[in-house]
Each structure stands twice: as structure tokens, then as C-alpha cells.
Amino acid sequence: MTEVVAALIWDQDKFMICQRPAHKARGLLWEFVGGKVEPGETKEQALIRECQEELAITLDVGEVFMDVTHEYPDLTVHLTLFHATIQEGVPQKLEHNDIRWITVNEIDQFMFCPADEDILKKLKNKK
């Protein structure tokens, strides 16, 4: 089981999604920014590191929004999604193909990674 963390970052009524690079597994699908937890890191530390590496931003990590376990053909992930706010920096595409800010009503216009489906359902039910 791979421990993965991600950030739910809001800007008023929109939240940030990132498009995976074409050459990676699940390429060009949309996801919440984040990545794998490295040995010796807390989930919060991993999320802060990943966002610095991928977007050149510093996060304030808040409460857990939800967590899900998903089995892909090549790996099983335990994904913990945290509420987070940008403390410093402007998001840059250091690794992702694209970055967007979308409303909950726009979710269905994007193809997300399967592990995010339950999270997206919860977001839609909260509106």
C-alpha cells in the first residue's frame, strides 16, 4: 500500500486541480496536487514538500477532508486529502501539464484519476 497525500486548496468558490504529465502513469488525467509520503515524513510534511517541488508554493496544511483507498492495476494507494491554503508563492507548472481553478459545478468537465472519484462525489454533495 502506497501512502499518498493531496491538497484541497480553495480560492473563494474555486479549488485547484492539476493535470498529470503525459509520460506518467494516468497521464493527462486531473488530480489534486500532492504525492507519495517518503519514509520518516509525516503526511503534512510530505504535502508541504510535494507542493514546493511541483508548484513552488508553501502551504498551510489544515484538517483532513477525507481519505480513500484505491486499487489501480499497478499499485494500491491510500490517499489522504487535506484542506490547505497557499501561505506563500504563486502556483507554477514545474511538473504538471496544466493547473486550473474550478468550481464544484465544473467537476464533470474534467477526467480525474479514479482514486479521486469518491472525493469529487463528496465535494458535489456539499454544494
C-alpha atoms as a PDB file:
ATOM      1  CA  MET A   1       0.000   0.000   0.000  1.00  0.00           C
ATOM      2  CA  THR A   2       1.394   3.387  -1.017  1.00  0.00           C
ATOM      3  CA  GLU A   3       0.637   6.332   1.289  1.00  0.00           C
ATOM      4  CA  VAL A   4      -0.260   9.385  -0.803  1.00  0.00           C
ATOM      5  CA  VAL A   5      -1.281  12.881   0.275  1.00  0.00           C
ATOM      6  CA  ALA A   6      -3.018  15.662  -1.622  1.00  0.00           C
ATOM      7  CA  ALA A   7      -4.231  19.212  -1.048  1.00  0.00           C
ATOM      8  CA  LEU A   8      -7.698  20.676  -1.438  1.00  0.00           C
ATOM      9  CA  ILE A   9      -6.786  24.331  -1.989  1.00  0.00           C
ATOM     10  CA  TRP A  10      -9.654  26.816  -2.276  1.00  0.00           C
ATOM     11  CA  ASP A  11      -9.707  30.337  -3.684  1.00  0.00           C
ATOM     12  CA  GLN A  12     -13.184  31.664  -2.880  1.00  0.00           C
ATOM     13  CA  ASP A  13     -15.557  29.221  -4.651  1.00  0.00           C
ATOM     14  CA  LYS A  14     -12.890  27.531  -6.807  1.00  0.00           C
ATOM     15  CA  PHE A  15     -10.413  24.791  -5.972  1.00  0.00           C
ATOM     16  CA  MET A  16      -7.127  23.853  -7.628  1.00  0.00           C
ATOM     17  CA  ILE A  17      -6.694  20.831  -9.858  1.00  0.00           C
ATOM     18  CA  CYS A  18      -3.550  19.760 -11.708  1.00  0.00           C
ATOM     19  CA  GLN A  19      -3.178  17.740 -14.905  1.00  0.00           C
ATOM     20  CA  ARG A  20      -0.666  14.881 -14.720  1.00  0.00           C
ATOM     21  CA  PRO A  21       2.234  14.908 -17.198  1.00  0.00           C
ATOM     22  CA  ALA A  22       1.575  12.839 -20.340  1.00  0.00           C
ATOM     23  CA  HIS A  23       4.538  10.494 -19.737  1.00  0.00           C
ATOM     24  CA  LYS A  24       3.486   9.413 -16.224  1.00  0.00           C
ATOM     25  CA  ALA A  25       1.030   6.708 -15.157  1.00  0.00           C
ATOM     26  CA  ARG A  26      -2.522   8.046 -15.576  1.00  0.00           C
ATOM     27  CA  GLY A  27      -1.046  10.734 -17.835  1.00  0.00           C
ATOM     28  CA  LEU A  28      -3.178  13.803 -18.635  1.00  0.00           C
ATOM     29  CA  LEU A  29      -5.798  12.898 -16.021  1.00  0.00           C
ATOM     30  CA  TRP A  30      -6.625  15.598 -13.461  1.00  0.00           C
ATOM     31  CA  GLU A  31      -5.858  15.302  -9.760  1.00  0.00           C
ATOM     32  CA  PHE A  32      -5.330  17.234  -6.558  1.00  0.00           C
ATOM     33  CA  VAL A  33      -1.700  18.307  -6.094  1.00  0.00           C
ATOM     34  CA  GLY A  34       0.344  16.029  -3.875  1.00  0.00           C
ATOM     35  CA  GLY A  35       2.370  12.848  -3.940  1.00  0.00           C
ATOM     36  CA  LYS A  36       3.910   9.969  -2.034  1.00  0.00           C
ATOM     37  CA  VAL A  37       4.820  10.120   1.643  1.00  0.00           C
ATOM     38  CA  GLU A  38       8.555   9.380   1.989  1.00  0.00           C
ATOM     39  CA  PRO A  39       9.952   7.305   4.897  1.00  0.00           C
ATOM     40  CA  GLY A  40      10.337   9.416   8.043  1.00  0.00           C
ATOM     41  CA  GLU A  41       7.891  12.126   6.911  1.00  0.00           C
ATOM     42  CA  THR A  42       4.531  12.965   8.401  1.00  0.00           C
ATOM     43  CA  LYS A  43       1.689  13.289   5.912  1.00  0.00           C
ATOM     44  CA  GLU A  44       1.674  17.043   6.452  1.00  0.00           C
ATOM     45  CA  GLN A  45       5.441  17.299   5.807  1.00  0.00           C
ATOM     46  CA  ALA A  46       5.075  15.237   2.633  1.00  0.00           C
ATOM     47  CA  LEU A  47       2.311  17.503   1.342  1.00  0.00           C
ATOM     48  CA  ILE A  48       4.323  20.659   2.016  1.00  0.00           C
ATOM     49  CA  ARG A  49       7.378  19.152   0.265  1.00  0.00           C
ATOM     50  CA  GLU A  50       5.401  17.942  -2.760  1.00  0.00           C
ATOM     51  CA  CYS A  51       3.755  21.338  -3.262  1.00  0.00           C
ATOM     52  CA  GLN A  52       7.128  23.088  -3.086  1.00  0.00           C
ATOM     53  CA  GLU A  53       8.594  20.641  -5.625  1.00  0.00           C
ATOM     54  CA  GLU A  54       5.623  20.616  -8.016  1.00  0.00           C
ATOM     55  CA  LEU A  55       4.166  24.132  -7.752  1.00  0.00           C
ATOM     56  CA  ALA A  56       6.805  26.277  -5.956  1.00  0.00           C
ATOM     57  CA  ILE A  57       4.288  27.206  -3.248  1.00  0.00           C
ATOM     58  CA  THR A  58       4.346  26.935   0.542  1.00  0.00           C
ATOM     59  CA  LEU A  59       1.211  25.504   2.135  1.00  0.00           C
ATOM     60  CA  ASP A  60      -0.546  25.806   5.439  1.00  0.00           C
ATOM     61  CA  VAL A  61      -1.981  22.312   5.935  1.00  0.00           C
ATOM     62  CA  GLY A  62      -5.314  22.090   7.733  1.00  0.00           C
ATOM     63  CA  GLU A  63      -7.741  19.324   8.639  1.00  0.00           C
ATOM     64  CA  VAL A  64      -8.250  16.117   6.671  1.00  0.00           C
ATOM     65  CA  PHE A  65     -11.143  16.460   4.195  1.00  0.00           C
ATOM     66  CA  MET A  66     -11.332  12.691   3.632  1.00  0.00           C
ATOM     67  CA  ASP A  67      -9.240   9.662   2.852  1.00  0.00           C
ATOM     68  CA  VAL A  68      -9.764   6.865   0.346  1.00  0.00           C
ATOM     69  CA  THR A  69      -8.084   3.615  -0.638  1.00  0.00           C
ATOM     70  CA  HIS A  70      -7.992   2.807  -4.341  1.00  0.00           C
ATOM     71  CA  GLU A  71      -6.585  -0.179  -6.226  1.00  0.00           C
ATOM     72  CA  TYR A  72      -5.031   0.620  -9.586  1.00  0.00           C
ATOM     73  CA  PRO A  73      -3.734  -2.222 -11.782  1.00  0.00           C
ATOM     74  CA  ASP A  74      -0.145  -1.230 -10.907  1.00  0.00           C
ATOM     75  CA  LEU A  75      -0.488  -0.096  -7.270  1.00  0.00           C
ATOM     76  CA  THR A  76      -2.830   0.421  -4.318  1.00  0.00           C
ATOM     77  CA  VAL A  77      -2.919   3.906  -2.825  1.00  0.00           C
ATOM     78  CA  HIS A  78      -4.197   5.210   0.489  1.00  0.00           C
ATOM     79  CA  LEU A  79      -4.918   8.847  -0.323  1.00  0.00           C
ATOM     80  CA  THR A  80      -5.381  11.436   2.411  1.00  0.00           C
ATOM     81  CA  LEU A  81      -6.770  14.757   1.161  1.00  0.00           C
ATOM     82  CA  PHE A  82      -6.100  17.766   3.400  1.00  0.00           C
ATOM     83  CA  HIS A  83      -7.679  21.187   3.410  1.00  0.00           C
ATOM     84  CA  ALA A  84      -4.828  23.593   2.662  1.00  0.00           C
ATOM     85  CA  THR A  85      -4.158  27.240   1.901  1.00  0.00           C
ATOM     86  CA  ILE A  86      -1.315  28.843   0.000  1.00  0.00           C
ATOM     87  CA  GLN A  87       0.873  30.646   2.512  1.00  0.00           C
ATOM     88  CA  GLU A  88       3.449  31.858   0.011  1.00  0.00           C
ATOM     89  CA  GLY A  89       4.068  31.805  -3.742  1.00  0.00           C
ATOM     90  CA  VAL A  90       2.072  31.602  -6.968  1.00  0.00           C
ATOM     91  CA  PRO A  91       1.465  28.105  -8.379  1.00  0.00           C
ATOM     92  CA  GLN A  92       3.822  27.256 -11.256  1.00  0.00           C
ATOM     93  CA  LYS A  93       3.729  24.296 -13.645  1.00  0.00           C
ATOM     94  CA  LEU A  94       7.050  22.742 -12.595  1.00  0.00           C
ATOM     95  CA  GLU A  95       5.788  19.207 -13.154  1.00  0.00           C
ATOM     96  CA  HIS A  96       2.158  19.277 -14.267  1.00  0.00           C
ATOM     97  CA  ASN A  97       0.832  19.687 -17.781  1.00  0.00           C
ATOM     98  CA  ASP A  98      -1.718  22.283 -16.615  1.00  0.00           C
ATOM     99  CA  ILE A  99      -3.197  23.887 -13.489  1.00  0.00           C
ATOM    100  CA  ARG A 100      -6.799  25.082 -13.227  1.00  0.00           C
ATOM    101  CA  TRP A 101      -9.091  26.613 -10.633  1.00  0.00           C
ATOM    102  CA  ILE A 102     -12.588  25.140 -10.994  1.00  0.00           C
ATOM    103  CA  THR A 103     -15.934  25.316  -9.227  1.00  0.00           C
ATOM    104  CA  VAL A 104     -17.698  22.221  -7.923  1.00  0.00           C
ATOM    105  CA  ASN A 105     -20.176  22.594 -10.824  1.00  0.00           C
ATOM    106  CA  GLU A 106     -17.308  22.203 -13.329  1.00  0.00           C
ATOM    107  CA  ILE A 107     -16.018  18.868 -11.959  1.00  0.00           C
ATOM    108  CA  ASP A 108     -17.747  16.787 -14.653  1.00  0.00           C
ATOM    109  CA  GLN A 109     -15.906  18.668 -17.432  1.00  0.00           C
ATOM    110  CA  PHE A 110     -12.595  17.046 -16.389  1.00  0.00           C
ATOM    111  CA  MET A 111     -11.316  13.458 -16.414  1.00  0.00           C
ATOM    112  CA  PHE A 112      -9.903  12.770 -12.937  1.00  0.00           C
ATOM    113  CA  CYS A 113      -7.764   9.937 -11.612  1.00  0.00           C
ATOM    114  CA  PRO A 114     -10.065   7.115 -10.420  1.00  0.00           C
ATOM    115  CA  ALA A 115      -8.823   7.433  -6.812  1.00  0.00           C
ATOM    116  CA  ASP A 116     -10.358  10.942  -6.710  1.00  0.00           C
ATOM    117  CA  GLU A 117     -13.902   9.878  -7.669  1.00  0.00           C
ATOM    118  CA  ASP A 118     -15.240   9.436  -4.105  1.00  0.00           C
ATOM    119  CA  ILE A 119     -13.688  12.761  -3.085  1.00  0.00           C
ATOM    120  CA  LEU A 120     -15.334  14.521  -6.029  1.00  0.00           C
ATOM    121  CA  LYS A 121     -18.705  12.981  -5.118  1.00  0.00           C
ATOM    122  CA  LYS A 122     -18.351  14.340  -1.573  1.00  0.00           C
ATOM    123  CA  LEU A 123     -17.472  17.801  -2.915  1.00  0.00           C
ATOM    124  CA  LYS A 124     -20.525  17.775  -5.221  1.00  0.00           C
ATOM    125  CA  ASN A 125     -22.820  16.721  -2.361  1.00  0.00           C
ATOM    126  CA  LYS A 126     -21.639  19.640  -0.213  1.00  0.00           C
ATOM    127  CA  LYS A 127     -22.612  22.391  -2.651  1.00  0.00           C
END
